[in-house]
Amino acid sequence: MSKTIIITGASDGIGAAAVRQLSRDGHDVVVVGRSAEKTEAVATELKVPFHLADFADLAQVRDLATSLATAYPRIDVLANNAGGIMGDRTLTVDGHEKTFQVNHLAPFLLTTLLLPTLTASSATVIQTASRAARVFGRFDIEDLQNERAYAPQKAYGNGKLANILFTVELQRRYGDQGIAAVAFHPGVVASSFASDTTHIMRRIYHGPLKRLFTITPEKGADQLVWLAEGAPGTTFTPGAYYESRRIAKRVSRDAHDASLARELWDRSAALV
């Protein structure tokens, strides 16, 4: 059965690979990206609609939510795939640390603004999280803006952990209203990821050794496509975090903290 599937961060990397595969599979895909040139190129190639938004500007996220709700009365899948690791600590036009906003606050805002459509559609909401939540995350609910001991990898790990906590709490709050939330780690994917950082990850993703450490965007998109086409409760367990199509066994201890997930939701709602 054909689904209406919206993917953010779909102008490149696993997002673009996923929309290509899902379009070939017969779904009605919607491409969302930051770069006008790259986003339009993918959409034109597939002959599908596209929308533009820079997640470092929450006004653009609000406009995006309005446009999507108007254009698509039914949304079967919302894949919050946009994100990335940044360089030095900077603030957005909204006054938030950029890593935190782009990776968590913006998709949180987009999802909550679309909740009337998502619940009415019994939608699957997918978060592209990362194993970085466990490897680099040092989560402090009192320092969501990464003001203390800032490091690009720590801010990124915290943002990815926030994605998992958001998944847990979204499922708790809206699972009985039809929402099926799920998060996954795509692997270390050869894409434009980490191009904006000075961290060693830039060398891993874009240096001469990248072939040793990275997988293709198509392989990275495998779980995104699998979850988007899957059936909640059959293909995957709502509220869970996946690696290699299995519920991850090794995760940050904070990822299982239900009270932390609730507090993050409340603080995020207040911030946006």
C-alpha atoms as a PDB file:
ATOM      1  CA  MET A   1       0.000   0.000   0.000  1.00  0.00           C
ATOM      2  CA  SER A   2       1.331   3.411  -0.997  1.00  0.00           C
ATOM      3  CA  LYS A   3       2.173   5.814   1.829  1.00  0.00           C
ATOM      4  CA  THR A   4       2.722   9.557   2.026  1.00  0.00           C
ATOM      5  CA  ILE A   5       6.242   9.835   3.453  1.00  0.00           C
ATOM      6  CA  ILE A   6       7.945  13.092   4.427  1.00  0.00           C
ATOM      7  CA  ILE A   7      11.706  13.000   4.990  1.00  0.00           C
ATOM      8  CA  THR A   8      13.736  15.934   6.272  1.00  0.00           C
ATOM      9  CA  GLY A   9      17.408  16.205   5.419  1.00  0.00           C
ATOM     10  CA  ALA A  10      16.521  14.526   2.128  1.00  0.00           C
ATOM     11  CA  SER A  11      18.702  16.560  -0.212  1.00  0.00           C
ATOM     12  CA  ASP A  12      21.779  14.417   0.438  1.00  0.00           C
ATOM     13  CA  GLY A  13      23.112  11.314   2.166  1.00  0.00           C
ATOM     14  CA  ILE A  14      20.750   8.697   3.580  1.00  0.00           C
ATOM     15  CA  GLY A  15      17.762  11.013   3.248  1.00  0.00           C
ATOM     16  CA  ALA A  16      18.210  11.306  -0.512  1.00  0.00           C
ATOM     17  CA  ALA A  17      18.946   7.588  -0.810  1.00  0.00           C
ATOM     18  CA  ALA A  18      15.797   6.778   1.163  1.00  0.00           C
ATOM     19  CA  VAL A  19      13.473   8.980  -0.913  1.00  0.00           C
ATOM     20  CA  ARG A  20      14.877   7.451  -4.091  1.00  0.00           C
ATOM     21  CA  GLN A  21      14.192   3.913  -2.863  1.00  0.00           C
ATOM     22  CA  LEU A  22      10.772   4.757  -1.434  1.00  0.00           C
ATOM     23  CA  SER A  23       9.797   6.508  -4.653  1.00  0.00           C
ATOM     24  CA  ARG A  24      10.850   3.434  -6.658  1.00  0.00           C
ATOM     25  CA  ASP A  25       8.701   1.352  -4.309  1.00  0.00           C
ATOM     26  CA  GLY A  26       5.671   3.416  -5.289  1.00  0.00           C
ATOM     27  CA  HIS A  27       5.247   5.700  -2.284  1.00  0.00           C
ATOM     28  CA  ASP A  28       4.343   9.388  -2.413  1.00  0.00           C
ATOM     29  CA  VAL A  29       7.530  10.932  -1.049  1.00  0.00           C
ATOM     30  CA  VAL A  30       8.067  14.547  -0.031  1.00  0.00           C
ATOM     31  CA  VAL A  31      11.602  15.934   0.000  1.00  0.00           C
ATOM     32  CA  VAL A  32      12.522  18.463   2.699  1.00  0.00           C
ATOM     33  CA  GLY A  33      15.953  20.079   2.772  1.00  0.00           C
ATOM     34  CA  ARG A  34      17.946  23.197   3.584  1.00  0.00           C
ATOM     35  CA  SER A  35      19.775  23.733   0.289  1.00  0.00           C
ATOM     36  CA  ALA A  36      17.435  25.028  -2.402  1.00  0.00           C
ATOM     37  CA  GLU A  37      19.667  23.778  -5.207  1.00  0.00           C
ATOM     38  CA  LYS A  38      20.258  20.275  -3.852  1.00  0.00           C
ATOM     39  CA  THR A  39      16.702  19.770  -2.581  1.00  0.00           C
ATOM     40  CA  GLU A  40      15.132  20.837  -5.866  1.00  0.00           C
ATOM     41  CA  ALA A  41      17.556  18.627  -7.803  1.00  0.00           C
ATOM     42  CA  VAL A  42      16.484  15.500  -5.904  1.00  0.00           C
ATOM     43  CA  ALA A  43      12.804  16.400  -6.197  1.00  0.00           C
ATOM     44  CA  THR A  44      13.102  17.137  -9.921  1.00  0.00           C
ATOM     45  CA  GLU A  45      14.909  13.836 -10.503  1.00  0.00           C
ATOM     46  CA  LEU A  46      12.063  11.931  -8.823  1.00  0.00           C
ATOM     47  CA  LYS A  47       9.250  14.245  -9.988  1.00  0.00           C
ATOM     48  CA  VAL A  48       8.045  14.721  -6.416  1.00  0.00           C
ATOM     49  CA  PRO A  49       7.220  17.791  -4.294  1.00  0.00           C
ATOM     50  CA  PHE A  50       9.777  19.510  -2.091  1.00  0.00           C
ATOM     51  CA  HIS A  51       9.866  22.035   0.741  1.00  0.00           C
ATOM     52  CA  LEU A  52      12.719  24.138   2.095  1.00  0.00           C
ATOM     53  CA  ALA A  53      13.615  24.915   5.702  1.00  0.00           C
ATOM     54  CA  ASP A  54      16.763  25.707   7.644  1.00  0.00           C
ATOM     55  CA  PHE A  55      16.441  24.090  11.051  1.00  0.00           C
ATOM     56  CA  ALA A  56      18.725  26.746  12.532  1.00  0.00           C
ATOM     57  CA  ASP A  57      15.740  29.097  12.209  1.00  0.00           C
ATOM     58  CA  LEU A  58      12.598  28.002  14.069  1.00  0.00           C
ATOM     59  CA  ALA A  59      10.438  30.472  12.129  1.00  0.00           C
ATOM     60  CA  GLN A  60      11.235  28.444   9.013  1.00  0.00           C
ATOM     61  CA  VAL A  61      10.298  25.253  10.864  1.00  0.00           C
ATOM     62  CA  ARG A  62       6.934  26.761  11.793  1.00  0.00           C
ATOM     63  CA  ASP A  63       6.349  27.804   8.183  1.00  0.00           C
ATOM     64  CA  LEU A  64       7.317  24.303   7.063  1.00  0.00           C
ATOM     65  CA  ALA A  65       4.819  22.718   9.442  1.00  0.00           C
ATOM     66  CA  THR A  66       2.053  24.977   8.134  1.00  0.00           C
ATOM     67  CA  SER A  67       2.921  24.169   4.519  1.00  0.00           C
ATOM     68  CA  LEU A  68       3.045  20.421   5.149  1.00  0.00           C
ATOM     69  CA  ALA A  69      -0.223  20.342   7.091  1.00  0.00           C
ATOM     70  CA  THR A  70      -1.925  22.291   4.314  1.00  0.00           C
ATOM     71  CA  ALA A  71      -0.504  20.294   1.416  1.00  0.00           C
ATOM     72  CA  TYR A  72      -0.813  16.800   2.910  1.00  0.00           C
ATOM     73  CA  PRO A  73      -4.023  16.094   4.855  1.00  0.00           C
ATOM     74  CA  ARG A  74      -2.666  12.591   5.449  1.00  0.00           C
ATOM     75  CA  ILE A  75       0.924  11.902   6.530  1.00  0.00           C
ATOM     76  CA  ASP A  76       1.733   8.230   6.997  1.00  0.00           C
ATOM     77  CA  VAL A  77       5.397   8.711   7.885  1.00  0.00           C
ATOM     78  CA  LEU A  78       7.377  11.677   9.162  1.00  0.00           C
ATOM     79  CA  ALA A  79      11.106  10.923   9.158  1.00  0.00           C
ATOM     80  CA  ASN A  80      13.073  13.481  11.181  1.00  0.00           C
ATOM     81  CA  ASN A  81      16.379  12.835   9.461  1.00  0.00           C
ATOM     82  CA  ALA A  82      17.952  16.311   9.317  1.00  0.00           C
ATOM     83  CA  GLY A  83      20.825  16.958  11.716  1.00  0.00           C
ATOM     84  CA  GLY A  84      24.570  17.029  12.039  1.00  0.00           C
ATOM     85  CA  ILE A  85      27.684  17.748  14.049  1.00  0.00           C
ATOM     86  CA  MET A  86      28.802  21.382  14.175  1.00  0.00           C
ATOM     87  CA  GLY A  87      32.077  23.182  14.830  1.00  0.00           C
ATOM     88  CA  ASP A  88      32.615  25.854  17.471  1.00  0.00           C
ATOM     89  CA  ARG A  89      29.731  26.655  19.783  1.00  0.00           C
ATOM     90  CA  THR A  90      27.403  29.136  18.098  1.00  0.00           C
ATOM     91  CA  LEU A  91      23.891  30.406  18.751  1.00  0.00           C
ATOM     92  CA  THR A  92      21.061  30.401  16.247  1.00  0.00           C
ATOM     93  CA  VAL A  93      18.837  33.373  15.485  1.00  0.00           C
ATOM     94  CA  ASP A  94      16.521  31.929  18.144  1.00  0.00           C
ATOM     95  CA  GLY A  95      19.248  32.093  20.789  1.00  0.00           C
ATOM     96  CA  HIS A  96      19.788  28.326  21.114  1.00  0.00           C
ATOM     97  CA  GLU A  97      23.025  26.385  20.749  1.00  0.00           C
ATOM     98  CA  LYS A  98      23.027  25.292  17.115  1.00  0.00           C
ATOM     99  CA  THR A  99      23.689  21.565  17.606  1.00  0.00           C
ATOM    100  CA  PHE A 100      20.863  21.266  20.124  1.00  0.00           C
ATOM    101  CA  GLN A 101      18.426  23.193  17.952  1.00  0.00           C
ATOM    102  CA  VAL A 102      19.142  21.522  14.611  1.00  0.00           C
ATOM    103  CA  ASN A 103      19.261  17.973  15.991  1.00  0.00           C
ATOM    104  CA  HIS A 104      16.485  18.141  18.581  1.00  0.00           C
ATOM    105  CA  LEU A 105      14.509  21.351  19.045  1.00  0.00           C
ATOM    106  CA  ALA A 106      13.630  21.825  15.380  1.00  0.00           C
ATOM    107  CA  PRO A 107      12.351  18.264  14.780  1.00  0.00           C
ATOM    108  CA  PHE A 108      10.592  18.409  18.154  1.00  0.00           C
ATOM    109  CA  LEU A 109       8.805  21.582  17.055  1.00  0.00           C
ATOM    110  CA  LEU A 110       7.980  20.229  13.598  1.00  0.00           C
ATOM    111  CA  THR A 111       6.546  17.013  15.015  1.00  0.00           C
ATOM    112  CA  THR A 112       4.460  18.666  17.713  1.00  0.00           C
ATOM    113  CA  LEU A 113       3.039  21.210  15.269  1.00  0.00           C
ATOM    114  CA  LEU A 114       2.035  18.356  12.954  1.00  0.00           C
ATOM    115  CA  LEU A 115       0.526  16.210  15.710  1.00  0.00           C
ATOM    116  CA  PRO A 116      -3.121  16.772  14.669  1.00  0.00           C
ATOM    117  CA  THR A 117      -2.345  15.398  11.201  1.00  0.00           C
ATOM    118  CA  LEU A 118       0.002  12.688  12.479  1.00  0.00           C
ATOM    119  CA  THR A 119      -2.430  11.311  15.045  1.00  0.00           C
ATOM    120  CA  ALA A 120      -5.335  11.398  12.576  1.00  0.00           C
ATOM    121  CA  SER A 121      -3.144   9.469  10.114  1.00  0.00           C
ATOM    122  CA  SER A 122      -1.877   6.921  12.678  1.00  0.00           C
ATOM    123  CA  ALA A 123       1.570   7.958  11.501  1.00  0.00           C
ATOM    124  CA  THR A 124       4.986   6.486  12.083  1.00  0.00           C
ATOM    125  CA  VAL A 125       7.460   9.111  13.337  1.00  0.00           C
ATOM    126  CA  ILE A 126      11.088   8.151  12.763  1.00  0.00           C
ATOM    127  CA  GLN A 127      14.120   9.776  14.370  1.00  0.00           C
ATOM    128  CA  THR A 128      17.539   9.318  12.790  1.00  0.00           C
ATOM    129  CA  ALA A 129      19.509   8.984  16.005  1.00  0.00           C
ATOM    130  CA  SER A 130      23.044   7.642  16.407  1.00  0.00           C
ATOM    131  CA  ARG A 131      25.326   5.408  18.415  1.00  0.00           C
ATOM    132  CA  ALA A 132      27.038   8.723  19.252  1.00  0.00           C
ATOM    133  CA  ALA A 133      24.397   9.083  21.983  1.00  0.00           C
ATOM    134  CA  ARG A 134      26.230   6.369  23.912  1.00  0.00           C
ATOM    135  CA  VAL A 135      29.777   7.045  22.750  1.00  0.00           C
ATOM    136  CA  PHE A 136      29.901  10.841  23.081  1.00  0.00           C
ATOM    137  CA  GLY A 137      26.804  11.868  25.023  1.00  0.00           C
ATOM    138  CA  ARG A 138      27.236  13.419  28.467  1.00  0.00           C
ATOM    139  CA  PHE A 139      23.643  14.483  28.980  1.00  0.00           C
ATOM    140  CA  ASP A 140      22.829  17.200  31.504  1.00  0.00           C
ATOM    141  CA  ILE A 141      19.215  18.340  31.608  1.00  0.00           C
ATOM    142  CA  GLU A 142      20.406  21.538  33.285  1.00  0.00           C
ATOM    143  CA  ASP A 143      22.750  22.299  30.359  1.00  0.00           C
ATOM    144  CA  LEU A 144      20.712  21.620  27.236  1.00  0.00           C
ATOM    145  CA  GLN A 145      22.415  24.558  25.505  1.00  0.00           C
ATOM    146  CA  ASN A 146      25.853  22.964  25.929  1.00  0.00           C
ATOM    147  CA  GLU A 147      27.329  25.944  27.734  1.00  0.00           C
ATOM    148  CA  ARG A 148      29.666  23.952  29.974  1.00  0.00           C
ATOM    149  CA  ALA A 149      32.734  22.162  28.608  1.00  0.00           C
ATOM    150  CA  TYR A 150      31.524  22.435  25.023  1.00  0.00           C
ATOM    151  CA  ALA A 151      32.923  19.996  22.494  1.00  0.00           C
ATOM    152  CA  PRO A 152      31.369  19.275  19.069  1.00  0.00           C
ATOM    153  CA  GLN A 153      31.188  15.531  19.648  1.00  0.00           C
ATOM    154  CA  LYS A 154      29.622  15.888  23.097  1.00  0.00           C
ATOM    155  CA  ALA A 155      26.979  18.318  21.816  1.00  0.00           C
ATOM    156  CA  TYR A 156      26.226  15.969  18.937  1.00  0.00           C
ATOM    157  CA  GLY A 157      26.008  12.925  21.209  1.00  0.00           C
ATOM    158  CA  ASN A 158      23.650  14.807  23.514  1.00  0.00           C
ATOM    159  CA  GLY A 159      21.509  15.795  20.537  1.00  0.00           C
ATOM    160  CA  LYS A 160      21.262  12.196  19.381  1.00  0.00           C
ATOM    161  CA  LEU A 161      20.374  11.049  22.890  1.00  0.00           C
ATOM    162  CA  ALA A 162      17.668  13.719  22.890  1.00  0.00           C
ATOM    163  CA  ASN A 163      16.308  12.090  19.706  1.00  0.00           C
ATOM    164  CA  ILE A 164      15.981   8.764  21.524  1.00  0.00           C
ATOM    165  CA  LEU A 165      14.412  10.345  24.606  1.00  0.00           C
ATOM    166  CA  PHE A 166      11.988  12.239  22.366  1.00  0.00           C
ATOM    167  CA  THR A 167      11.012   8.950  20.721  1.00  0.00           C
ATOM    168  CA  VAL A 168      10.321   7.361  24.108  1.00  0.00           C
ATOM    169  CA  GLU A 169       8.194  10.245  25.332  1.00  0.00           C
ATOM    170  CA  LEU A 170       6.350  10.761  22.036  1.00  0.00           C
ATOM    171  CA  GLN A 171       5.301   7.124  22.190  1.00  0.00           C
ATOM    172  CA  ARG A 172       4.234   7.416  25.835  1.00  0.00           C
ATOM    173  CA  ARG A 173       2.141  10.518  25.228  1.00  0.00           C
ATOM    174  CA  TYR A 174       0.609   9.734  21.854  1.00  0.00           C
ATOM    175  CA  GLY A 175       0.932   5.994  21.282  1.00  0.00           C
ATOM    176  CA  ASP A 176      -2.677   5.443  22.295  1.00  0.00           C
ATOM    177  CA  GLN A 177      -3.708   8.102  19.762  1.00  0.00           C
ATOM    178  CA  GLY A 178      -2.192   6.227  16.832  1.00  0.00           C
ATOM    179  CA  ILE A 179       1.401   7.476  16.799  1.00  0.00           C
ATOM    180  CA  ALA A 180       4.201   4.923  16.397  1.00  0.00           C
ATOM    181  CA  ALA A 181       7.552   6.499  17.271  1.00  0.00           C
ATOM    182  CA  VAL A 182      10.870   4.808  16.573  1.00  0.00           C
ATOM    183  CA  ALA A 183      14.561   5.768  16.381  1.00  0.00           C
ATOM    184  CA  PHE A 184      17.540   4.153  14.655  1.00  0.00           C
ATOM    185  CA  HIS A 185      21.292   4.379  14.095  1.00  0.00           C
ATOM    186  CA  PRO A 186      22.082   4.348  10.352  1.00  0.00           C
ATOM    187  CA  GLY A 187      25.775   3.517  10.662  1.00  0.00           C
ATOM    188  CA  VAL A 188      28.775   5.636   9.703  1.00  0.00           C
ATOM    189  CA  VAL A 189      27.654   6.871   6.301  1.00  0.00           C
ATOM    190  CA  ALA A 190      29.795   8.459   3.590  1.00  0.00           C
ATOM    191  CA  SER A 191      27.917  11.707   2.924  1.00  0.00           C
ATOM    192  CA  SER A 192      28.238  15.449   3.525  1.00  0.00           C
ATOM    193  CA  PHE A 193      27.809  14.742   7.247  1.00  0.00           C
ATOM    194  CA  ALA A 194      30.487  16.435   9.425  1.00  0.00           C
ATOM    195  CA  SER A 195      31.480  18.830   6.653  1.00  0.00           C
ATOM    196  CA  ASP A 196      30.748  21.800   8.944  1.00  0.00           C
ATOM    197  CA  THR A 197      32.871  20.668  11.879  1.00  0.00           C
ATOM    198  CA  THR A 198      36.545  20.907  12.778  1.00  0.00           C
ATOM    199  CA  HIS A 199      36.264  17.706  14.836  1.00  0.00           C
ATOM    200  CA  ILE A 200      38.193  14.573  13.863  1.00  0.00           C
ATOM    201  CA  MET A 201      34.898  13.198  12.505  1.00  0.00           C
ATOM    202  CA  ARG A 202      35.498  15.433   9.473  1.00  0.00           C
ATOM    203  CA  ARG A 203      38.646  13.420   8.680  1.00  0.00           C
ATOM    204  CA  ILE A 204      36.793  10.133   9.121  1.00  0.00           C
ATOM    205  CA  TYR A 205      33.906  11.136   6.858  1.00  0.00           C
ATOM    206  CA  HIS A 206      35.837  13.141   4.252  1.00  0.00           C
ATOM    207  CA  GLY A 207      39.495  12.094   4.468  1.00  0.00           C
ATOM    208  CA  PRO A 208      41.425   9.375   2.625  1.00  0.00           C
ATOM    209  CA  LEU A 209      40.468   6.757   5.231  1.00  0.00           C
ATOM    210  CA  LYS A 210      36.713   7.180   4.799  1.00  0.00           C
ATOM    211  CA  ARG A 211      36.424   3.954   2.797  1.00  0.00           C
ATOM    212  CA  LEU A 212      37.634   2.028   5.830  1.00  0.00           C
ATOM    213  CA  PHE A 213      35.096   3.524   8.225  1.00  0.00           C
ATOM    214  CA  THR A 214      32.000   4.434   6.225  1.00  0.00           C
ATOM    215  CA  ILE A 215      29.176   2.744   4.371  1.00  0.00           C
ATOM    216  CA  THR A 216      27.269   3.986   1.349  1.00  0.00           C
ATOM    217  CA  PRO A 217      24.206   6.223   1.769  1.00  0.00           C
ATOM    218  CA  GLU A 218      22.140   3.412   0.268  1.00  0.00           C
ATOM    219  CA  LYS A 219      23.220   0.998   3.021  1.00  0.00           C
ATOM    220  CA  GLY A 220      22.686   3.696   5.624  1.00  0.00           C
ATOM    221  CA  ALA A 221      19.164   4.288   4.326  1.00  0.00           C
ATOM    222  CA  ASP A 222      18.219   0.616   4.668  1.00  0.00           C
ATOM    223  CA  GLN A 223      16.675   0.918   8.135  1.00  0.00           C
ATOM    224  CA  LEU A 224      14.943   4.194   7.308  1.00  0.00           C
ATOM    225  CA  VAL A 225      13.228   2.550   4.343  1.00  0.00           C
ATOM    226  CA  TRP A 226      12.508  -0.590   6.390  1.00  0.00           C
ATOM    227  CA  LEU A 227      10.870   1.401   9.181  1.00  0.00           C
ATOM    228  CA  ALA A 228       8.965   3.695   6.812  1.00  0.00           C
ATOM    229  CA  GLU A 229       7.467   0.774   4.919  1.00  0.00           C
ATOM    230  CA  GLY A 230       6.996  -1.377   8.003  1.00  0.00           C
ATOM    231  CA  ALA A 231       4.015  -2.003  10.255  1.00  0.00           C
ATOM    232  CA  PRO A 232       4.232  -0.830  13.884  1.00  0.00           C
ATOM    233  CA  GLY A 233       4.046  -3.740  16.295  1.00  0.00           C
ATOM    234  CA  THR A 234       4.928  -6.198  13.533  1.00  0.00           C
ATOM    235  CA  THR A 235       8.004  -4.865  11.767  1.00  0.00           C
ATOM    236  CA  PHE A 236       9.237  -2.850  14.718  1.00  0.00           C
ATOM    237  CA  THR A 237       8.393  -2.117  18.349  1.00  0.00           C
ATOM    238  CA  PRO A 238       7.085   1.444  18.874  1.00  0.00           C
ATOM    239  CA  GLY A 239       9.165   3.497  21.283  1.00  0.00           C
ATOM    240  CA  ALA A 240      12.342   1.505  20.616  1.00  0.00           C
ATOM    241  CA  TYR A 241      15.788   2.402  19.265  1.00  0.00           C
ATOM    242  CA  TYR A 242      17.226   0.184  16.527  1.00  0.00           C
ATOM    243  CA  GLU A 243      20.640  -0.725  15.187  1.00  0.00           C
ATOM    244  CA  SER A 244      21.004  -3.099  12.212  1.00  0.00           C
ATOM    245  CA  ARG A 245      17.240  -3.786  12.252  1.00  0.00           C
ATOM    246  CA  ARG A 246      17.385  -4.985  15.849  1.00  0.00           C
ATOM    247  CA  ILE A 247      16.556  -3.245  19.101  1.00  0.00           C
ATOM    248  CA  ALA A 248      19.911  -1.966  20.318  1.00  0.00           C
ATOM    249  CA  LYS A 249      21.311  -3.775  23.345  1.00  0.00           C
ATOM    250  CA  ARG A 250      24.026  -1.257  24.170  1.00  0.00           C
ATOM    251  CA  VAL A 251      22.601   2.215  24.737  1.00  0.00           C
ATOM    252  CA  SER A 252      23.189   5.099  27.087  1.00  0.00           C
ATOM    253  CA  ARG A 253      21.675   4.491  30.510  1.00  0.00           C
ATOM    254  CA  ASP A 254      19.885   7.822  30.156  1.00  0.00           C
ATOM    255  CA  ALA A 255      18.008   6.450  27.136  1.00  0.00           C
ATOM    256  CA  HIS A 256      15.894   4.321  29.501  1.00  0.00           C
ATOM    257  CA  ASP A 257      15.151   7.142  31.951  1.00  0.00           C
ATOM    258  CA  ALA A 258      11.426   7.813  31.577  1.00  0.00           C
ATOM    259  CA  SER A 259      11.468  10.787  33.954  1.00  0.00           C
ATOM    260  CA  LEU A 260      14.320  12.366  31.977  1.00  0.00           C
ATOM    261  CA  ALA A 261      12.369  11.886  28.751  1.00  0.00           C
ATOM    262  CA  ARG A 262       9.348  13.628  30.281  1.00  0.00           C
ATOM    263  CA  GLU A 263      11.439  16.519  31.584  1.00  0.00           C
ATOM    264  CA  LEU A 264      13.200  16.967  28.246  1.00  0.00           C
ATOM    265  CA  TRP A 265       9.815  17.169  26.522  1.00  0.00           C
ATOM    266  CA  ASP A 266       8.530  19.787  28.972  1.00  0.00           C
ATOM    267  CA  ARG A 267      11.670  21.901  28.719  1.00  0.00           C
ATOM    268  CA  SER A 268      11.722  21.634  24.944  1.00  0.00           C
ATOM    269  CA  ALA A 269       8.099  22.732  24.747  1.00  0.00           C
ATOM    270  CA  ALA A 270       8.906  25.754  26.902  1.00  0.00           C
ATOM    271  CA  LEU A 271      11.912  26.647  24.721  1.00  0.00           C
ATOM    272  CA  VAL A 272       9.963  26.634  21.478  1.00  0.00           C
END
